[in-house]
PDB file of N, CA and C in Angstrom:
ATOM      1  N   UNK A   1       0.689  -1.492  -0.064  1.00  0.00           N
ATOM      2  CA  UNK A   1      -0.231  -0.258   0.281  1.00  0.00           C
ATOM      3  C   UNK A   1       1.077   1.096  -0.164  1.00  0.00           C
ATOM      4  N   UNK A   2       2.062   0.944   0.931  1.00  0.00           N
ATOM      5  CA  UNK A   2       2.552   2.462   0.980  1.00  0.00           C
ATOM      6  C   UNK A   2       3.554   2.492  -0.605  1.00  0.00           C
ATOM      7  N   UNK A   3       4.012   1.658  -0.598  1.00  0.00           N
ATOM      8  CA  UNK A   3       4.860   1.310  -2.000  1.00  0.00           C
ATOM      9  C   UNK A   3       4.310   1.922  -3.157  1.00  0.00           C
ATOM     10  N   UNK A   4       2.743   2.000  -3.279  1.00  0.00           N
ATOM     11  CA  UNK A   4       1.638   2.117  -4.554  1.00  0.00           C
ATOM     12  C   UNK A   4       1.605   3.461  -4.047  1.00  0.00           C
ATOM     13  N   UNK A   5       1.597   3.882  -3.100  1.00  0.00           N
ATOM     14  CA  UNK A   5       1.406   5.418  -2.915  1.00  0.00           C
ATOM     15  C   UNK A   5       2.227   6.313  -3.372  1.00  0.00           C
ATOM     16  N   UNK A   6       3.933   5.690  -3.892  1.00  0.00           N
ATOM     17  CA  UNK A   6       4.703   6.294  -3.883  1.00  0.00           C
ATOM     18  C   UNK A   6       5.742   6.859  -2.485  1.00  0.00           C
ATOM     19  N   UNK A   7       5.538   6.244  -1.551  1.00  0.00           N
ATOM     20  CA  UNK A   7       6.265   6.833  -0.173  1.00  0.00           C
ATOM     21  C   UNK A   7       7.107   5.511   0.311  1.00  0.00           C
ATOM     22  N   UNK A   8       8.712   5.936  -0.631  1.00  0.00           N
ATOM     23  CA  UNK A   8       9.527   5.315  -0.895  1.00  0.00           C
ATOM     24  C   UNK A   8       9.988   4.174  -1.795  1.00  0.00           C
ATOM     25  N   UNK A   9      10.832   3.391  -1.749  1.00  0.00           N
ATOM     26  CA  UNK A   9      10.986   2.776  -3.216  1.00  0.00           C
ATOM     27  C   UNK A   9      10.404   1.585  -3.140  1.00  0.00           C
ATOM     28  N   UNK A  10       9.724   0.755  -3.813  1.00  0.00           N
ATOM     29  CA  UNK A  10       8.802  -0.449  -3.825  1.00  0.00           C
ATOM     30  C   UNK A  10      10.086  -1.345  -3.473  1.00  0.00           C
ATOM     31  N   UNK A  11      11.140  -1.558  -4.316  1.00  0.00           N
ATOM     32  CA  UNK A  11      12.205  -2.268  -3.479  1.00  0.00           C
ATOM     33  C   UNK A  11      12.558  -2.654  -2.140  1.00  0.00           C
ATOM     34  N   UNK A  12      12.470  -1.479  -1.600  1.00  0.00           N
ATOM     35  CA  UNK A  12      12.528  -1.406  -0.101  1.00  0.00           C
ATOM     36  C   UNK A  12      11.713  -1.998   0.782  1.00  0.00           C
ATOM     37  N   UNK A  13      10.550  -1.602   0.301  1.00  0.00           N
ATOM     38  CA  UNK A  13       9.082  -2.219   1.085  1.00  0.00           C
ATOM     39  C   UNK A  13       9.245  -3.778   1.116  1.00  0.00           C
ATOM     40  N   UNK A  14       9.860  -4.001  -0.540  1.00  0.00           N
ATOM     41  CA  UNK A  14       9.366  -5.665  -0.312  1.00  0.00           C
ATOM     42  C   UNK A  14      10.292  -6.212   0.606  1.00  0.00           C
ATOM     43  N   UNK A  15      11.741  -5.797   0.128  1.00  0.00           N
ATOM     44  CA  UNK A  15      13.067  -6.606   1.513  1.00  0.00           C
ATOM     45  C   UNK A  15      12.611  -6.177   3.033  1.00  0.00           C
ATOM     46  N   UNK A  16      11.853  -5.303   3.531  1.00  0.00           N
ATOM     47  CA  UNK A  16      11.611  -4.714   4.402  1.00  0.00           C
ATOM     48  C   UNK A  16      10.788  -5.890   4.937  1.00  0.00           C
ATOM     49  N   UNK A  17       9.472  -6.357   4.209  1.00  0.00           N
ATOM     50  CA  UNK A  17       8.214  -7.043   4.089  1.00  0.00           C
ATOM     51  C   UNK A  17       8.840  -8.558   4.539  1.00  0.00           C
ATOM     52  N   UNK A  18      10.021  -8.589   3.497  1.00  0.00           N
ATOM     53  CA  UNK A  18      10.440 -10.360   3.502  1.00  0.00           C
ATOM     54  C   UNK A  18      11.513 -10.446   4.756  1.00  0.00           C
ATOM     55  N   UNK A  19      11.937  -9.602   5.585  1.00  0.00           N
ATOM     56  CA  UNK A  19      12.709  -9.633   6.846  1.00  0.00           C
ATOM     57  C   UNK A  19      11.877  -9.716   8.033  1.00  0.00           C
ATOM     58  N   UNK A  20      10.750  -9.409   7.584  1.00  0.00           N
ATOM     59  CA  UNK A  20       9.871  -8.963   8.682  1.00  0.00           C
ATOM     60  C   UNK A  20       8.944 -11.013   9.311  1.00  0.00           C
ATOM     61  N   UNK A  21       8.458 -11.115   7.968  1.00  0.00           N
ATOM     62  CA  UNK A  21       8.264 -12.490   7.620  1.00  0.00           C
ATOM     63  C   UNK A  21       9.332 -13.552   8.349  1.00  0.00           C
ATOM     64  N   UNK A  22      10.454 -13.259   7.713  1.00  0.00           N
ATOM     65  CA  UNK A  22      11.367 -14.348   7.973  1.00  0.00           C
ATOM     66  C   UNK A  22      11.809 -14.447   9.439  1.00  0.00           C
ATOM     67  N   UNK A  23      11.863 -13.415  10.058  1.00  0.00           N
ATOM     68  CA  UNK A  23      11.915 -13.374  11.659  1.00  0.00           C
ATOM     69  C   UNK A  23      10.757 -13.245  12.419  1.00  0.00           C
ATOM     70  N   UNK A  24       9.801 -13.471  11.800  1.00  0.00           N
ATOM     71  CA  UNK A  24       8.641 -13.602  12.832  1.00  0.00           C
ATOM     72  C   UNK A  24       8.199 -14.837  13.225  1.00  0.00           C
ATOM     73  N   UNK A  25       8.364 -15.829  12.444  1.00  0.00           N
ATOM     74  CA  UNK A  25       8.039 -17.063  12.782  1.00  0.00           C
ATOM     75  C   UNK A  25       9.596 -17.660  14.246  1.00  0.00           C
ATOM     76  N   UNK A  26      10.790 -16.792  14.269  1.00  0.00           N
ATOM     77  CA  UNK A  26      11.230 -17.414  15.401  1.00  0.00           C
ATOM     78  C   UNK A  26      11.074 -16.467  16.828  1.00  0.00           C
ATOM     79  N   UNK A  27      10.387 -15.025  16.272  1.00  0.00           N
ATOM     80  CA  UNK A  27      10.423 -14.264  17.550  1.00  0.00           C
ATOM     81  C   UNK A  27       9.059 -13.948  18.069  1.00  0.00           C
ATOM     82  N   UNK A  28       7.654 -14.249  17.378  1.00  0.00           N
ATOM     83  CA  UNK A  28       6.631 -13.720  17.889  1.00  0.00           C
ATOM     84  C   UNK A  28       5.820 -15.182  17.796  1.00  0.00           C
ATOM     85  N   UNK A  29       4.292 -15.056  18.334  1.00  0.00           N
ATOM     86  CA  UNK A  29       3.449 -16.385  18.480  1.00  0.00           C
ATOM     87  C   UNK A  29       3.308 -16.504  17.138  1.00  0.00           C
ATOM     88  N   UNK A  30       2.911 -18.079  16.922  1.00  0.00           N
ATOM     89  CA  UNK A  30       2.506 -18.608  15.306  1.00  0.00           C
ATOM     90  C   UNK A  30       1.242 -17.776  14.689  1.00  0.00           C
ATOM     91  N   UNK A  31       0.478 -17.357  15.458  1.00  0.00           N
ATOM     92  CA  UNK A  31      -0.757 -16.524  14.925  1.00  0.00           C
ATOM     93  C   UNK A  31      -0.497 -15.327  14.986  1.00  0.00           C
ATOM     94  N   UNK A  32       0.605 -14.364  16.017  1.00  0.00           N
ATOM     95  CA  UNK A  32       1.028 -13.098  15.320  1.00  0.00           C
ATOM     96  C   UNK A  32       1.604 -12.955  14.009  1.00  0.00           C
ATOM     97  N   UNK A  33       2.520 -14.332  13.683  1.00  0.00           N
ATOM     98  CA  UNK A  33       3.511 -14.522  12.693  1.00  0.00           C
ATOM     99  C   UNK A  33       2.198 -14.457  11.338  1.00  0.00           C
ATOM    100  N   UNK A  34       1.149 -15.519  11.452  1.00  0.00           N
ATOM    101  CA  UNK A  34       0.569 -15.483  10.465  1.00  0.00           C
ATOM    102  C   UNK A  34      -0.310 -14.190  10.140  1.00  0.00           C
ATOM    103  N   UNK A  35      -0.621 -13.310  11.240  1.00  0.00           N
ATOM    104  CA  UNK A  35      -1.390 -12.286  10.788  1.00  0.00           C
ATOM    105  C   UNK A  35      -0.574 -11.187  10.218  1.00  0.00           C
ATOM    106  N   UNK A  36       0.879 -11.102  10.699  1.00  0.00           N
ATOM    107  CA  UNK A  36       1.915 -10.338   9.996  1.00  0.00           C
ATOM    108  C   UNK A  36       2.149 -10.617   8.452  1.00  0.00           C
ATOM    109  N   UNK A  37       2.102 -11.828   8.138  1.00  0.00           N
ATOM    110  CA  UNK A  37       2.204 -12.572   6.423  1.00  0.00           C
ATOM    111  C   UNK A  37       1.229 -11.678   5.912  1.00  0.00           C
ATOM    112  N   UNK A  38      -0.073 -12.086   6.789  1.00  0.00           N
ATOM    113  CA  UNK A  38      -1.338 -11.752   5.803  1.00  0.00           C
ATOM    114  C   UNK A  38      -1.240 -10.127   5.456  1.00  0.00           C
ATOM    115  N   UNK A  39      -0.901  -9.389   6.705  1.00  0.00           N
ATOM    116  CA  UNK A  39      -0.649  -8.130   6.449  1.00  0.00           C
ATOM    117  C   UNK A  39       0.118  -7.714   5.380  1.00  0.00           C
ATOM    118  N   UNK A  40       1.371  -8.402   5.460  1.00  0.00           N
ATOM    119  CA  UNK A  40       2.381  -8.355   4.252  1.00  0.00           C
ATOM    120  C   UNK A  40       2.219  -8.295   2.877  1.00  0.00           C
ATOM    121  N   UNK A  41       0.587  -8.950   2.927  1.00  0.00           N
ATOM    122  CA  UNK A  41       0.576  -9.384   1.601  1.00  0.00           C
ATOM    123  C   UNK A  41      -0.686  -8.664   1.303  1.00  0.00           C
ATOM    124  N   UNK A  42      -1.177  -7.515   2.176  1.00  0.00           N
ATOM    125  CA  UNK A  42      -2.111  -6.885   1.852  1.00  0.00           C
ATOM    126  C   UNK A  42      -3.746  -6.999   2.528  1.00  0.00           C
ATOM    127  N   UNK A  43      -3.675  -7.764   3.386  1.00  0.00           N
ATOM    128  CA  UNK A  43      -4.706  -8.044   3.545  1.00  0.00           C
ATOM    129  C   UNK A  43      -4.704  -8.009   5.546  1.00  0.00           C
ATOM    130  N   UNK A  44      -5.812  -7.399   5.901  1.00  0.00           N
ATOM    131  CA  UNK A  44      -5.751  -7.036   7.077  1.00  0.00           C
ATOM    132  C   UNK A  44      -7.504  -6.814   7.560  1.00  0.00           C
ATOM    133  N   UNK A  45      -7.667  -6.759   8.539  1.00  0.00           N
ATOM    134  CA  UNK A  45      -8.980  -6.246   9.061  1.00  0.00           C
ATOM    135  C   UNK A  45      -9.719  -5.131   8.599  1.00  0.00           C
ATOM    136  N   UNK A  46     -10.894  -4.689   8.527  1.00  0.00           N
ATOM    137  CA  UNK A  46     -11.592  -4.012   7.524  1.00  0.00           C
ATOM    138  C   UNK A  46     -10.965  -2.248   8.154  1.00  0.00           C
ATOM    139  N   UNK A  47     -11.324  -2.419   9.917  1.00  0.00           N
ATOM    140  CA  UNK A  47     -10.886  -1.025  10.619  1.00  0.00           C
ATOM    141  C   UNK A  47      -9.542  -0.430  10.140  1.00  0.00           C
ATOM    142  N   UNK A  48      -8.677  -1.427   9.993  1.00  0.00           N
ATOM    143  CA  UNK A  48      -7.217  -1.069   9.806  1.00  0.00           C
ATOM    144  C   UNK A  48      -7.311  -0.253   8.770  1.00  0.00           C
ATOM    145  N   UNK A  49      -7.946  -0.753   7.364  1.00  0.00           N
ATOM    146  CA  UNK A  49      -7.934  -0.469   5.883  1.00  0.00           C
ATOM    147  C   UNK A  49      -8.787   0.893   5.935  1.00  0.00           C
ATOM    148  N   UNK A  50      -9.866   1.027   6.985  1.00  0.00           N
ATOM    149  CA  UNK A  50     -10.362   2.262   6.866  1.00  0.00           C
ATOM    150  C   UNK A  50      -9.685   3.465   7.626  1.00  0.00           C
ATOM    151  N   UNK A  51      -8.741   2.855   8.455  1.00  0.00           N
ATOM    152  CA  UNK A  51      -8.136   3.789   9.320  1.00  0.00           C
ATOM    153  C   UNK A  51      -6.672   4.483   8.083  1.00  0.00           C
ATOM    154  N   UNK A  52      -6.173   3.756   7.692  1.00  0.00           N
ATOM    155  CA  UNK A  52      -5.665   4.084   6.354  1.00  0.00           C
ATOM    156  C   UNK A  52      -6.153   4.834   4.952  1.00  0.00           C
ATOM    157  N   UNK A  53      -7.074   4.249   5.087  1.00  0.00           N
ATOM    158  CA  UNK A  53      -7.878   5.310   3.724  1.00  0.00           C
ATOM    159  C   UNK A  53      -8.601   6.840   4.430  1.00  0.00           C
ATOM    160  N   UNK A  54      -8.918   6.631   5.547  1.00  0.00           N
ATOM    161  CA  UNK A  54      -9.389   7.694   6.132  1.00  0.00           C
ATOM    162  C   UNK A  54      -8.263   9.027   6.149  1.00  0.00           C
ATOM    163  N   UNK A  55      -7.236   8.398   6.766  1.00  0.00           N
ATOM    164  CA  UNK A  55      -5.975   9.337   6.461  1.00  0.00           C
ATOM    165  C   UNK A  55      -5.068   9.928   5.487  1.00  0.00           C
ATOM    166  N   UNK A  56      -5.487   8.356   4.408  1.00  0.00           N
ATOM    167  CA  UNK A  56      -4.828   8.931   3.146  1.00  0.00           C
ATOM    168  C   UNK A  56      -5.601   9.994   2.350  1.00  0.00           C
ATOM    169  N   UNK A  57      -6.788   9.706   2.582  1.00  0.00           N
ATOM    170  CA  UNK A  57      -7.647  10.917   1.556  1.00  0.00           C
ATOM    171  C   UNK A  57      -8.184  12.250   2.228  1.00  0.00           C
ATOM    172  N   UNK A  58      -7.526  12.024   3.859  1.00  0.00           N
ATOM    173  CA  UNK A  58      -7.788  13.673   4.457  1.00  0.00           C
ATOM    174  C   UNK A  58      -9.225  14.049   5.146  1.00  0.00           C
ATOM    175  N   UNK A  59      -9.513  12.839   5.415  1.00  0.00           N
ATOM    176  CA  UNK A  59     -10.900  12.489   6.014  1.00  0.00           C
ATOM    177  C   UNK A  59     -11.033  13.438   7.166  1.00  0.00           C
ATOM    178  N   UNK A  60     -12.372  13.801   7.592  1.00  0.00           N
ATOM    179  CA  UNK A  60     -12.500  14.627   9.002  1.00  0.00           C
ATOM    180  C   UNK A  60     -12.034  13.514  10.225  1.00  0.00           C
ATOM    181  N   UNK A  61     -11.327  14.772  10.939  1.00  0.00           N
ATOM    182  CA  UNK A  61     -11.099  13.723  12.410  1.00  0.00           C
ATOM    183  C   UNK A  61     -11.858  12.513  13.143  1.00  0.00           C
ATOM    184  N   UNK A  62     -13.067  13.096  13.290  1.00  0.00           N
ATOM    185  CA  UNK A  62     -14.117  12.299  13.484  1.00  0.00           C
ATOM    186  C   UNK A  62     -14.033  10.458  12.833  1.00  0.00           C
ATOM    187  N   UNK A  63     -13.935  10.651  11.425  1.00  0.00           N
ATOM    188  CA  UNK A  63     -14.215   9.450  11.068  1.00  0.00           C
ATOM    189  C   UNK A  63     -12.422   8.980  11.237  1.00  0.00           C
ATOM    190  N   UNK A  64     -11.540   9.665  11.069  1.00  0.00           N
ATOM    191  CA  UNK A  64     -10.264   8.749  11.928  1.00  0.00           C
ATOM    192  C   UNK A  64     -10.477   8.226  12.793  1.00  0.00           C
ATOM    193  N   UNK A  65     -11.144   8.879  13.952  1.00  0.00           N
ATOM    194  CA  UNK A  65     -11.210   8.119  15.201  1.00  0.00           C
ATOM    195  C   UNK A  65     -12.091   7.510  15.488  1.00  0.00           C
ATOM    196  N   UNK A  66     -13.075   7.397  14.525  1.00  0.00           N
ATOM    197  CA  UNK A  66     -13.945   6.460  14.446  1.00  0.00           C
ATOM    198  C   UNK A  66     -13.311   5.030  14.043  1.00  0.00           C
ATOM    199  N   UNK A  67     -12.762   4.930  13.086  1.00  0.00           N
ATOM    200  CA  UNK A  67     -11.834   4.000  12.223  1.00  0.00           C
ATOM    201  C   UNK A  67     -11.179   3.399  13.562  1.00  0.00           C
ATOM    202  N   UNK A  68     -10.246   4.276  14.126  1.00  0.00           N
ATOM    203  CA  UNK A  68      -9.414   4.002  15.300  1.00  0.00           C
ATOM    204  C   UNK A  68     -10.077   2.947  16.469  1.00  0.00           C
ATOM    205  N   UNK A  69     -11.331   3.701  16.753  1.00  0.00           N
ATOM    206  CA  UNK A  69     -12.048   3.057  18.123  1.00  0.00           C
ATOM    207  C   UNK A  69     -12.579   1.408  17.302  1.00  0.00           C
ATOM    208  N   UNK A  70     -12.900   1.451  16.159  1.00  0.00           N
ATOM    209  CA  UNK A  70     -12.967   0.261  15.360  1.00  0.00           C
ATOM    210  C   UNK A  70     -12.145  -0.803  15.601  1.00  0.00           C
ATOM    211  N   UNK A  71     -10.759  -0.195  15.041  1.00  0.00           N
ATOM    212  CA  UNK A  71      -9.562  -1.114  15.009  1.00  0.00           C
ATOM    213  C   UNK A  71      -9.334  -1.782  16.662  1.00  0.00           C
ATOM    214  N   UNK A  72      -9.179  -0.828  17.534  1.00  0.00           N
ATOM    215  CA  UNK A  72      -8.593  -0.850  18.959  1.00  0.00           C
ATOM    216  C   UNK A  72      -9.771  -1.987  19.465  1.00  0.00           C
ATOM    217  N   UNK A  73     -10.845  -2.139  18.907  1.00  0.00           N
ATOM    218  CA  UNK A  73     -12.023  -2.995  19.469  1.00  0.00           C
ATOM    219  C   UNK A  73     -11.617  -4.443  19.241  1.00  0.00           C
ATOM    220  N   UNK A  74     -10.910  -4.767  18.414  1.00  0.00           N
ATOM    221  CA  UNK A  74     -10.053  -6.023  18.040  1.00  0.00           C
ATOM    222  C   UNK A  74      -9.445  -7.095  18.756  1.00  0.00           C
ATOM    223  N   UNK A  75     -10.246  -7.963  19.167  1.00  0.00           N
ATOM    224  CA  UNK A  75      -9.453  -8.417  20.723  1.00  0.00           C
ATOM    225  C   UNK A  75      -9.455  -8.024  21.635  1.00  0.00           C
ATOM    226  N   UNK A  76      -8.477  -8.716  22.481  1.00  0.00           N
ATOM    227  CA  UNK A  76      -8.007  -8.106  23.781  1.00  0.00           C
ATOM    228  C   UNK A  76      -6.946  -7.020  23.950  1.00  0.00           C
ATOM    229  N   UNK A  77      -5.866  -7.661  22.885  1.00  0.00           N
ATOM    230  CA  UNK A  77      -5.169  -6.287  22.924  1.00  0.00           C
ATOM    231  C   UNK A  77      -4.309  -6.229  21.384  1.00  0.00           C
ATOM    232  N   UNK A  78      -5.007  -7.062  20.228  1.00  0.00           N
ATOM    233  CA  UNK A  78      -4.928  -7.257  19.174  1.00  0.00           C
ATOM    234  C   UNK A  78      -5.090  -5.897  18.163  1.00  0.00           C
ATOM    235  N   UNK A  79      -6.270  -5.357  18.616  1.00  0.00           N
ATOM    236  CA  UNK A  79      -6.162  -4.046  17.756  1.00  0.00           C
ATOM    237  C   UNK A  79      -5.382  -2.827  18.240  1.00  0.00           C
ATOM    238  N   UNK A  80      -5.019  -2.701  19.530  1.00  0.00           N
ATOM    239  CA  UNK A  80      -4.021  -1.712  19.990  1.00  0.00           C
ATOM    240  C   UNK A  80      -2.697  -1.938  19.143  1.00  0.00           C
ATOM    241  N   UNK A  81      -2.325  -3.332  19.316  1.00  0.00           N
ATOM    242  CA  UNK A  81      -0.961  -3.576  18.647  1.00  0.00           C
ATOM    243  C   UNK A  81      -0.892  -3.283  17.279  1.00  0.00           C
ATOM    244  N   UNK A  82      -2.108  -3.646  16.195  1.00  0.00           N
ATOM    245  CA  UNK A  82      -2.016  -3.361  15.155  1.00  0.00           C
ATOM    246  C   UNK A  82      -1.788  -1.879  15.120  1.00  0.00           C
ATOM    247  N   UNK A  83      -2.819  -0.901  15.673  1.00  0.00           N
ATOM    248  CA  UNK A  83      -2.570   0.697  15.861  1.00  0.00           C
ATOM    249  C   UNK A  83      -1.439   1.088  16.134  1.00  0.00           C
ATOM    250  N   UNK A  84      -0.733   0.068  16.984  1.00  0.00           N
ATOM    251  CA  UNK A  84       0.605   1.126  17.433  1.00  0.00           C
ATOM    252  C   UNK A  84       1.469   0.955  16.228  1.00  0.00           C
ATOM    253  N   UNK A  85       1.496  -0.577  15.850  1.00  0.00           N
ATOM    254  CA  UNK A  85       2.338  -1.087  14.475  1.00  0.00           C
ATOM    255  C   UNK A  85       2.321  -0.159  13.084  1.00  0.00           C
ATOM    256  N   UNK A  86       0.714   0.497  13.081  1.00  0.00           N
ATOM    257  CA  UNK A  86       0.846   1.003  12.382  1.00  0.00           C
ATOM    258  C   UNK A  86       0.889   2.716  12.381  1.00  0.00           C
ATOM    259  N   UNK A  87       1.045   3.092  13.412  1.00  0.00           N
ATOM    260  CA  UNK A  87       1.434   4.741  13.783  1.00  0.00           C
ATOM    261  C   UNK A  87       3.173   4.615  13.774  1.00  0.00           C
ATOM    262  N   UNK A  88       3.548   3.343  14.299  1.00  0.00           N
ATOM    263  CA  UNK A  88       5.134   3.233  13.887  1.00  0.00           C
ATOM    264  C   UNK A  88       5.948   3.697  12.744  1.00  0.00           C
ATOM    265  N   UNK A  89       4.838   2.683  11.606  1.00  0.00           N
ATOM    266  CA  UNK A  89       5.048   2.467  10.151  1.00  0.00           C
ATOM    267  C   UNK A  89       5.152   3.848   9.489  1.00  0.00           C
ATOM    268  N   UNK A  90       3.889   4.707   9.940  1.00  0.00           N
ATOM    269  CA  UNK A  90       3.595   6.003   9.709  1.00  0.00           C
ATOM    270  C   UNK A  90       4.977   7.237   9.849  1.00  0.00           C
ATOM    271  N   UNK A  91       5.183   6.965  11.074  1.00  0.00           N
ATOM    272  CA  UNK A  91       6.104   7.865  11.778  1.00  0.00           C
ATOM    273  C   UNK A  91       7.253   7.547  11.045  1.00  0.00           C
ATOM    274  N   UNK A  92       7.933   6.380  10.210  1.00  0.00           N
ATOM    275  CA  UNK A  92       8.879   6.219  10.094  1.00  0.00           C
ATOM    276  C   UNK A  92       8.825   7.036   8.349  1.00  0.00           C
ATOM    277  N   UNK A  93       7.844   7.044   7.948  1.00  0.00           N
ATOM    278  CA  UNK A  93       7.735   7.966   6.600  1.00  0.00           C
ATOM    279  C   UNK A  93       8.243   9.544   6.741  1.00  0.00           C
ATOM    280  N   UNK A  94       7.686  10.268   7.609  1.00  0.00           N
ATOM    281  CA  UNK A  94       8.028  11.519   8.106  1.00  0.00           C
ATOM    282  C   UNK A  94       9.209  11.849   8.594  1.00  0.00           C
ATOM    283  N   UNK A  95      10.382  12.646   8.637  1.00  0.00           N
ATOM    284  CA  UNK A  95      11.352  12.730   8.526  1.00  0.00           C
ATOM    285  C   UNK A  95      11.578  13.478  10.699  1.00  0.00           C
ATOM    286  N   UNK A  96      10.451  14.089  10.879  1.00  0.00           N
ATOM    287  CA  UNK A  96      10.157  14.322  12.164  1.00  0.00           C
ATOM    288  C   UNK A  96      11.025  15.915  12.437  1.00  0.00           C
ATOM    289  N   UNK A  97      10.516  16.233  13.586  1.00  0.00           N
ATOM    290  CA  UNK A  97      11.940  17.491  13.643  1.00  0.00           C
ATOM    291  C   UNK A  97      13.223  17.301  13.874  1.00  0.00           C
ATOM    292  N   UNK A  98      13.972  18.409  13.565  1.00  0.00           N
ATOM    293  CA  UNK A  98      15.297  17.883  13.588  1.00  0.00           C
ATOM    294  C   UNK A  98      16.080  17.614  15.316  1.00  0.00           C
ATOM    295  N   UNK A  99      16.617  16.965  14.993  1.00  0.00           N
ATOM    296  CA  UNK A  99      17.452  16.145  16.216  1.00  0.00           C
ATOM    297  C   UNK A  99      18.474  17.035  16.868  1.00  0.00           C
ATOM    298  N   UNK A 100      18.160  17.418  17.952  1.00  0.00           N
ATOM    299  CA  UNK A 100      19.363  18.538  18.480  1.00  0.00           C
ATOM    300  C   UNK A 100      20.726  17.735  18.856  1.00  0.00           C
ATOM    301  N   UNK A 101      22.108  17.915  18.924  1.00  0.00           N
ATOM    302  CA  UNK A 101      22.847  17.410  19.149  1.00  0.00           C
ATOM    303  C   UNK A 101      23.715  18.019  20.557  1.00  0.00           C
TER     304      UNK A 101
END
């Protein structure tokens, strides 16, 4: 999704996805590894897609928050985990404020 949107080099995203998939089997629960694999192929829960779409389209904040609320309602902590990963991925797209030395 991010590569298709022009955020970074497609090859870099593919390599990063491959690294995540390869390491997930040894570093997380099999269910989490399967979920990561699905997401790497562009398959995920509808609220996650809704959140990404709302942000990409510049939807009103109410729509963004509604999608985020639906996302965090998934499972005991799975939705929160997906939201945290999504936000972490997005934060890597922006250089952020300058760092003080």
